[in-house]
PDB file of N, CA and C in Angstrom:
ATOM      1  N   MET A   1     -96.745  -2.996   0.920  1.00  0.00           N
ATOM      2  CA  MET A   1     -96.871  -2.924   2.361  1.00  0.00           C
ATOM      3  C   MET A   1     -95.850  -1.941   2.905  1.00  0.00           C
ATOM      4  N   ASN A   2     -96.133  -1.408   4.039  1.00  0.00           N
ATOM      5  CA  ASN A   2     -95.302  -0.414   4.689  1.00  0.00           C
ATOM      6  C   ASN A   2     -93.950  -1.027   5.086  1.00  0.00           C
ATOM      7  N   PRO A   3     -92.838  -0.371   4.725  1.00  0.00           N
ATOM      8  CA  PRO A   3     -91.518  -0.907   5.081  1.00  0.00           C
ATOM      9  C   PRO A   3     -91.318  -1.006   6.590  1.00  0.00           C
ATOM     10  N   LEU A   4     -91.947  -0.125   7.344  1.00  0.00           N
ATOM     11  CA  LEU A   4     -91.821  -0.168   8.792  1.00  0.00           C
ATOM     12  C   LEU A   4     -92.523  -1.401   9.362  1.00  0.00           C
ATOM     13  N   ALA A   5     -93.631  -1.777   8.761  1.00  0.00           N
ATOM     14  CA  ALA A   5     -94.333  -2.985   9.192  1.00  0.00           C
ATOM     15  C   ALA A   5     -93.489  -4.229   8.890  1.00  0.00           C
ATOM     16  N   GLU A   6     -92.828  -4.232   7.750  1.00  0.00           N
ATOM     17  CA  GLU A   6     -91.943  -5.350   7.401  1.00  0.00           C
ATOM     18  C   GLU A   6     -90.799  -5.460   8.399  1.00  0.00           C
ATOM     19  N   LEU A   7     -90.243  -4.322   8.793  1.00  0.00           N
ATOM     20  CA  LEU A   7     -89.167  -4.317   9.786  1.00  0.00           C
ATOM     21  C   LEU A   7     -89.673  -4.866  11.117  1.00  0.00           C
ATOM     22  N   GLY A   8     -90.869  -4.477  11.504  1.00  0.00           N
ATOM     23  CA  GLY A   8     -91.455  -4.969  12.750  1.00  0.00           C
ATOM     24  C   GLY A   8     -91.639  -6.477  12.733  1.00  0.00           C
ATOM     25  N   LYS A   9     -92.131  -7.009  11.614  1.00  0.00           N
ATOM     26  CA  LYS A   9     -92.307  -8.456  11.491  1.00  0.00           C
ATOM     27  C   LYS A   9     -90.968  -9.174  11.562  1.00  0.00           C
ATOM     28  N   SER A  10     -89.971  -8.600  10.921  1.00  0.00           N
ATOM     29  CA  SER A  10     -88.639  -9.210  10.940  1.00  0.00           C
ATOM     30  C   SER A  10     -88.060  -9.225  12.356  1.00  0.00           C
ATOM     31  N   LEU A  11     -88.253  -8.146  13.090  1.00  0.00           N
ATOM     32  CA  LEU A  11     -87.743  -8.086  14.466  1.00  0.00           C
ATOM     33  C   LEU A  11     -88.466  -9.077  15.372  1.00  0.00           C
ATOM     34  N   ILE A  12     -89.771  -9.235  15.180  1.00  0.00           N
ATOM     35  CA  ILE A  12     -90.514 -10.218  15.974  1.00  0.00           C
ATOM     36  C   ILE A  12     -90.025 -11.624  15.664  1.00  0.00           C
ATOM     37  N   LEU A  13     -89.844 -11.928  14.384  1.00  0.00           N
ATOM     38  CA  LEU A  13     -89.349 -13.240  13.987  1.00  0.00           C
ATOM     39  C   LEU A  13     -87.963 -13.500  14.572  1.00  0.00           C
ATOM     40  N   PHE A  14     -87.101 -12.494  14.542  1.00  0.00           N
ATOM     41  CA  PHE A  14     -85.761 -12.631  15.099  1.00  0.00           C
ATOM     42  C   PHE A  14     -85.828 -12.872  16.610  1.00  0.00           C
ATOM     43  N   GLY A  15     -86.741 -12.179  17.295  1.00  0.00           N
ATOM     44  CA  GLY A  15     -86.910 -12.364  18.737  1.00  0.00           C
ATOM     45  C   GLY A  15     -87.380 -13.771  19.076  1.00  0.00           C
ATOM     46  N   VAL A  16     -88.339 -14.291  18.295  1.00  0.00           N
ATOM     47  CA  VAL A  16     -88.822 -15.653  18.516  1.00  0.00           C
ATOM     48  C   VAL A  16     -87.696 -16.651  18.274  1.00  0.00           C
ATOM     49  N   LEU A  17     -86.901 -16.413  17.246  1.00  0.00           N
ATOM     50  CA  LEU A  17     -85.766 -17.287  16.953  1.00  0.00           C
ATOM     51  C   LEU A  17     -84.758 -17.279  18.100  1.00  0.00           C
ATOM     52  N   LEU A  18     -84.493 -16.123  18.671  1.00  0.00           N
ATOM     53  CA  LEU A  18     -83.578 -16.033  19.813  1.00  0.00           C
ATOM     54  C   LEU A  18     -84.127 -16.781  21.023  1.00  0.00           C
ATOM     55  N   ILE A  19     -85.432 -16.704  21.245  1.00  0.00           N
ATOM     56  CA  ILE A  19     -86.046 -17.436  22.359  1.00  0.00           C
ATOM     57  C   ILE A  19     -85.896 -18.939  22.155  1.00  0.00           C
ATOM     58  N   VAL A  20     -86.146 -19.402  20.940  1.00  0.00           N
ATOM     59  CA  VAL A  20     -86.026 -20.834  20.647  1.00  0.00           C
ATOM     60  C   VAL A  20     -84.583 -21.299  20.834  1.00  0.00           C
ATOM     61  N   VAL A  21     -83.629 -20.531  20.349  1.00  0.00           N
ATOM     62  CA  VAL A  21     -82.218 -20.891  20.506  1.00  0.00           C
ATOM     63  C   VAL A  21     -81.838 -20.909  21.989  1.00  0.00           C
ATOM     64  N   GLY A  22     -82.344 -19.961  22.757  1.00  0.00           N
ATOM     65  CA  GLY A  22     -82.076 -19.940  24.193  1.00  0.00           C
ATOM     66  C   GLY A  22     -82.647 -21.157  24.899  1.00  0.00           C
ATOM     67  N   MET A  23     -83.856 -21.554  24.531  1.00  0.00           N
ATOM     68  CA  MET A  23     -84.464 -22.731  25.147  1.00  0.00           C
ATOM     69  C   MET A  23     -83.695 -24.000  24.792  1.00  0.00           C
ATOM     70  N   VAL A  24     -83.260 -24.107  23.544  1.00  0.00           N
ATOM     71  CA  VAL A  24     -82.479 -25.277  23.129  1.00  0.00           C
ATOM     72  C   VAL A  24     -81.157 -25.314  23.887  1.00  0.00           C
ATOM     73  N   THR A  25     -80.552 -24.154  24.088  1.00  0.00           N
ATOM     74  CA  THR A  25     -79.292 -24.088  24.827  1.00  0.00           C
ATOM     75  C   THR A  25     -79.480 -24.545  26.277  1.00  0.00           C
ATOM     76  N   LEU A  26     -80.609 -24.181  26.872  1.00  0.00           N
ATOM     77  CA  LEU A  26     -80.867 -24.610  28.243  1.00  0.00           C
ATOM     78  C   LEU A  26     -81.158 -26.104  28.329  1.00  0.00           C
ATOM     79  N   LEU A  27     -81.794 -26.663  27.297  1.00  0.00           N
ATOM     80  CA  LEU A  27     -82.166 -28.071  27.314  1.00  0.00           C
ATOM     81  C   LEU A  27     -81.076 -28.995  26.773  1.00  0.00           C
ATOM     82  N   LEU A  28     -80.028 -28.439  26.193  1.00  0.00           N
ATOM     83  CA  LEU A  28     -78.993 -29.243  25.553  1.00  0.00           C
ATOM     84  C   LEU A  28     -78.328 -30.252  26.492  1.00  0.00           C
ATOM     85  N   PRO A  29     -77.987 -29.898  27.735  1.00  0.00           N
ATOM     86  CA  PRO A  29     -77.390 -30.916  28.617  1.00  0.00           C
ATOM     87  C   PRO A  29     -78.325 -32.105  28.857  1.00  0.00           C
ATOM     88  N   LYS A  30     -79.627 -31.856  28.925  1.00  0.00           N
ATOM     89  CA  LYS A  30     -80.568 -32.950  29.128  1.00  0.00           C
ATOM     90  C   LYS A  30     -80.717 -33.782  27.854  1.00  0.00           C
ATOM     91  N   LEU A  31     -80.610 -33.137  26.691  1.00  0.00           N
ATOM     92  CA  LEU A  31     -80.739 -33.858  25.431  1.00  0.00           C
ATOM     93  C   LEU A  31     -79.539 -34.740  25.149  1.00  0.00           C
ATOM     94  N   SER A  32     -78.380 -34.417  25.707  1.00  0.00           N
ATOM     95  CA  SER A  32     -77.185 -35.222  25.452  1.00  0.00           C
ATOM     96  C   SER A  32     -77.255 -36.575  26.153  1.00  0.00           C
ATOM     97  N   GLN A  33     -78.222 -36.754  27.050  1.00  0.00           N
ATOM     98  CA  GLN A  33     -78.365 -38.013  27.761  1.00  0.00           C
ATOM     99  C   GLN A  33     -79.371 -38.936  27.089  1.00  0.00           C
ATOM    100  N   LEU A  34     -79.799 -38.597  25.877  1.00  0.00           N
ATOM    101  CA  LEU A  34     -80.739 -39.444  25.158  1.00  0.00           C
ATOM    102  C   LEU A  34     -80.088 -40.792  24.838  1.00  0.00           C
ATOM    103  N   PRO A  35     -80.860 -41.853  24.818  1.00  0.00           N
ATOM    104  CA  PRO A  35     -80.281 -43.164  24.502  1.00  0.00           C
ATOM    105  C   PRO A  35     -79.835 -43.234  23.042  1.00  0.00           C
ATOM    106  N   ARG A  36     -78.874 -44.079  22.791  1.00  0.00           N
ATOM    107  CA  ARG A  36     -78.387 -44.259  21.426  1.00  0.00           C
ATOM    108  C   ARG A  36     -79.341 -45.174  20.670  1.00  0.00           C
ATOM    109  N   LEU A  37     -79.669 -44.789  19.460  1.00  0.00           N
ATOM    110  CA  LEU A  37     -80.542 -45.594  18.615  1.00  0.00           C
ATOM    111  C   LEU A  37     -79.730 -46.683  17.925  1.00  0.00           C
ATOM    112  N   PRO A  38     -80.366 -47.749  17.463  1.00  0.00           N
ATOM    113  CA  PRO A  38     -79.637 -48.860  16.839  1.00  0.00           C
ATOM    114  C   PRO A  38     -78.835 -48.471  15.588  1.00  0.00           C
ATOM    115  N   GLY A  39     -79.223 -47.435  14.869  1.00  0.00           N
ATOM    116  CA  GLY A  39     -78.508 -47.058  13.654  1.00  0.00           C
ATOM    117  C   GLY A  39     -77.359 -46.094  13.871  1.00  0.00           C
ATOM    118  N   ASP A  40     -77.125 -45.678  15.103  1.00  0.00           N
ATOM    119  CA  ASP A  40     -76.028 -44.758  15.390  1.00  0.00           C
ATOM    120  C   ASP A  40     -74.693 -45.480  15.281  1.00  0.00           C
ATOM    121  N   ILE A  41     -73.682 -44.783  14.807  1.00  0.00           N
ATOM    122  CA  ILE A  41     -72.365 -45.379  14.572  1.00  0.00           C
ATOM    123  C   ILE A  41     -71.445 -45.027  15.736  1.00  0.00           C
ATOM    124  N   LEU A  42     -70.857 -46.039  16.351  1.00  0.00           N
ATOM    125  CA  LEU A  42     -69.924 -45.856  17.452  1.00  0.00           C
ATOM    126  C   LEU A  42     -68.693 -46.718  17.187  1.00  0.00           C
ATOM    127  N   ILE A  43     -67.527 -46.067  17.092  1.00  0.00           N
ATOM    128  CA  ILE A  43     -66.272 -46.769  16.852  1.00  0.00           C
ATOM    129  C   ILE A  43     -65.312 -46.421  17.986  1.00  0.00           C
ATOM    130  N   ARG A  44     -64.813 -47.444  18.661  1.00  0.00           N
ATOM    131  CA  ARG A  44     -63.829 -47.250  19.729  1.00  0.00           C
ATOM    132  C   ARG A  44     -62.567 -48.019  19.380  1.00  0.00           C
ATOM    133  N   ARG A  45     -61.457 -47.315  19.322  1.00  0.00           N
ATOM    134  CA  ARG A  45     -60.154 -47.917  19.030  1.00  0.00           C
ATOM    135  C   ARG A  45     -59.138 -47.322  20.005  1.00  0.00           C
ATOM    136  N   GLY A  46     -58.775 -48.069  21.001  1.00  0.00           N
ATOM    137  CA  GLY A  46     -57.780 -47.569  21.964  1.00  0.00           C
ATOM    138  C   GLY A  46     -58.293 -46.341  22.688  1.00  0.00           C
ATOM    139  N   ASN A  47     -57.573 -45.218  22.542  1.00  0.00           N
ATOM    140  CA  ASN A  47     -57.988 -43.977  23.190  1.00  0.00           C
ATOM    141  C   ASN A  47     -58.771 -43.062  22.248  1.00  0.00           C
ATOM    142  N   PHE A  48     -59.250 -43.586  21.123  1.00  0.00           N
ATOM    143  CA  PHE A  48     -60.017 -42.817  20.134  1.00  0.00           C
ATOM    144  C   PHE A  48     -61.464 -43.308  20.116  1.00  0.00           C
ATOM    145  N   THR A  49     -62.407 -42.382  20.178  1.00  0.00           N
ATOM    146  CA  THR A  49     -63.827 -42.716  20.097  1.00  0.00           C
ATOM    147  C   THR A  49     -64.474 -41.824  19.062  1.00  0.00           C
ATOM    148  N   PHE A  50     -65.190 -42.447  18.129  1.00  0.00           N
ATOM    149  CA  PHE A  50     -65.929 -41.715  17.102  1.00  0.00           C
ATOM    150  C   PHE A  50     -67.390 -42.096  17.220  1.00  0.00           C
ATOM    151  N   TYR A  51     -68.248 -41.091  17.374  1.00  0.00           N
ATOM    152  CA  TYR A  51     -69.684 -41.336  17.495  1.00  0.00           C
ATOM    153  C   TYR A  51     -70.403 -40.456  16.491  1.00  0.00           C
ATOM    154  N   PHE A  52     -71.193 -41.068  15.624  1.00  0.00           N
ATOM    155  CA  PHE A  52     -72.003 -40.327  14.665  1.00  0.00           C
ATOM    156  C   PHE A  52     -73.444 -40.809  14.787  1.00  0.00           C
ATOM    157  N   PRO A  53     -74.342 -39.949  15.267  1.00  0.00           N
ATOM    158  CA  PRO A  53     -75.731 -40.357  15.500  1.00  0.00           C
ATOM    159  C   PRO A  53     -76.547 -40.361  14.206  1.00  0.00           C
ATOM    160  N   LEU A  54     -76.287 -41.303  13.330  1.00  0.00           N
ATOM    161  CA  LEU A  54     -76.950 -41.359  12.022  1.00  0.00           C
ATOM    162  C   LEU A  54     -78.455 -41.544  12.159  1.00  0.00           C
ATOM    163  N   ALA A  55     -78.887 -42.525  12.931  1.00  0.00           N
ATOM    164  CA  ALA A  55     -80.326 -42.780  13.091  1.00  0.00           C
ATOM    165  C   ALA A  55     -81.013 -41.606  13.782  1.00  0.00           C
ATOM    166  N   THR A  56     -80.342 -41.014  14.751  1.00  0.00           N
ATOM    167  CA  THR A  56     -80.909 -39.864  15.448  1.00  0.00           C
ATOM    168  C   THR A  56     -81.077 -38.691  14.497  1.00  0.00           C
ATOM    169  N   CYS A  57     -80.096 -38.442  13.633  1.00  0.00           N
ATOM    170  CA  CYS A  57     -80.181 -37.361  12.657  1.00  0.00           C
ATOM    171  C   CYS A  57     -81.330 -37.593  11.679  1.00  0.00           C
ATOM    172  N   LEU A  58     -81.472 -38.820  11.216  1.00  0.00           N
ATOM    173  CA  LEU A  58     -82.558 -39.132  10.285  1.00  0.00           C
ATOM    174  C   LEU A  58     -83.923 -38.954  10.948  1.00  0.00           C
ATOM    175  N   LEU A  59     -84.042 -39.389  12.194  1.00  0.00           N
ATOM    176  CA  LEU A  59     -85.302 -39.253  12.918  1.00  0.00           C
ATOM    177  C   LEU A  59     -85.651 -37.789  13.153  1.00  0.00           C
ATOM    178  N   LEU A  60     -84.678 -36.989  13.580  1.00  0.00           N
ATOM    179  CA  LEU A  60     -84.915 -35.566  13.781  1.00  0.00           C
ATOM    180  C   LEU A  60     -85.263 -34.857  12.478  1.00  0.00           C
ATOM    181  N   SER A  61     -84.608 -35.226  11.398  1.00  0.00           N
ATOM    182  CA  SER A  61     -84.899 -34.647  10.096  1.00  0.00           C
ATOM    183  C   SER A  61     -86.334 -34.953   9.675  1.00  0.00           C
ATOM    184  N   LEU A  62     -86.754 -36.173   9.880  1.00  0.00           N
ATOM    185  CA  LEU A  62     -88.117 -36.555   9.534  1.00  0.00           C
ATOM    186  C   LEU A  62     -89.135 -35.780  10.367  1.00  0.00           C
ATOM    187  N   LEU A  63     -88.901 -35.692  11.676  1.00  0.00           N
ATOM    188  CA  LEU A  63     -89.828 -34.970  12.546  1.00  0.00           C
ATOM    189  C   LEU A  63     -89.897 -33.488  12.204  1.00  0.00           C
ATOM    190  N   LEU A  64     -88.748 -32.860  11.970  1.00  0.00           N
ATOM    191  CA  LEU A  64     -88.743 -31.440  11.626  1.00  0.00           C
ATOM    192  C   LEU A  64     -89.398 -31.183  10.274  1.00  0.00           C
ATOM    193  N   THR A  65     -89.198 -32.081   9.321  1.00  0.00           N
ATOM    194  CA  THR A  65     -89.848 -31.944   8.015  1.00  0.00           C
ATOM    195  C   THR A  65     -91.361 -32.007   8.159  1.00  0.00           C
ATOM    196  N   LEU A  66     -91.845 -32.943   8.955  1.00  0.00           N
ATOM    197  CA  LEU A  66     -93.286 -33.049   9.180  1.00  0.00           C
ATOM    198  C   LEU A  66     -93.842 -31.797   9.866  1.00  0.00           C
ATOM    199  N   ILE A  67     -93.132 -31.306  10.869  1.00  0.00           N
ATOM    200  CA  ILE A  67     -93.594 -30.118  11.592  1.00  0.00           C
ATOM    201  C   ILE A  67     -93.632 -28.909  10.670  1.00  0.00           C
ATOM    202  N   PHE A  68     -92.567 -28.689   9.901  1.00  0.00           N
ATOM    203  CA  PHE A  68     -92.534 -27.521   9.022  1.00  0.00           C
ATOM    204  C   PHE A  68     -93.557 -27.612   7.905  1.00  0.00           C
ATOM    205  N   ASN A  69     -93.808 -28.815   7.402  1.00  0.00           N
ATOM    206  CA  ASN A  69     -94.847 -28.979   6.368  1.00  0.00           C
ATOM    207  C   ASN A  69     -96.237 -28.693   6.940  1.00  0.00           C
ATOM    208  N   LEU A  70     -96.477 -29.095   8.172  1.00  0.00           N
ATOM    209  CA  LEU A  70     -97.770 -28.801   8.795  1.00  0.00           C
ATOM    210  C   LEU A  70     -97.923 -27.309   9.070  1.00  0.00           C
ATOM    211  N   LEU A  71     -96.859 -26.642   9.467  1.00  0.00           N
ATOM    212  CA  LEU A  71     -96.917 -25.200   9.726  1.00  0.00           C
ATOM    213  C   LEU A  71     -97.072 -24.388   8.443  1.00  0.00           C
ATOM    214  N   ARG A  72     -96.558 -24.901   7.349  1.00  0.00           N
ATOM    215  CA  ARG A  72     -96.605 -24.177   6.073  1.00  0.00           C
ATOM    216  C   ARG A  72     -97.993 -24.195   5.442  1.00  0.00           C
ATOM    217  N   ARG A  73     -98.811 -25.169   5.800  1.00  0.00           N
ATOM    218  CA  ARG A  73    -100.161 -25.276   5.213  1.00  0.00           C
ATOM    219  C   ARG A  73    -101.112 -24.274   5.754  1.00  0.00           C
TER     220      ARG A  73
END
């Protein structure tokens, strides 16, 4: 295939990736208000707070895996 065509495809892919990152950046403040799932870890000790969204990470991983597998077919 033509190297120039490959460059064009790469630039389009990079542009789409930048758009997606921009949209996520705009939506991030709204996403931080999501409710905590039962499997998320929250530890409060005095003036120290540790929060690790374990259940949220697992759920997002599962959803993204399903989406990417459907797109790959």
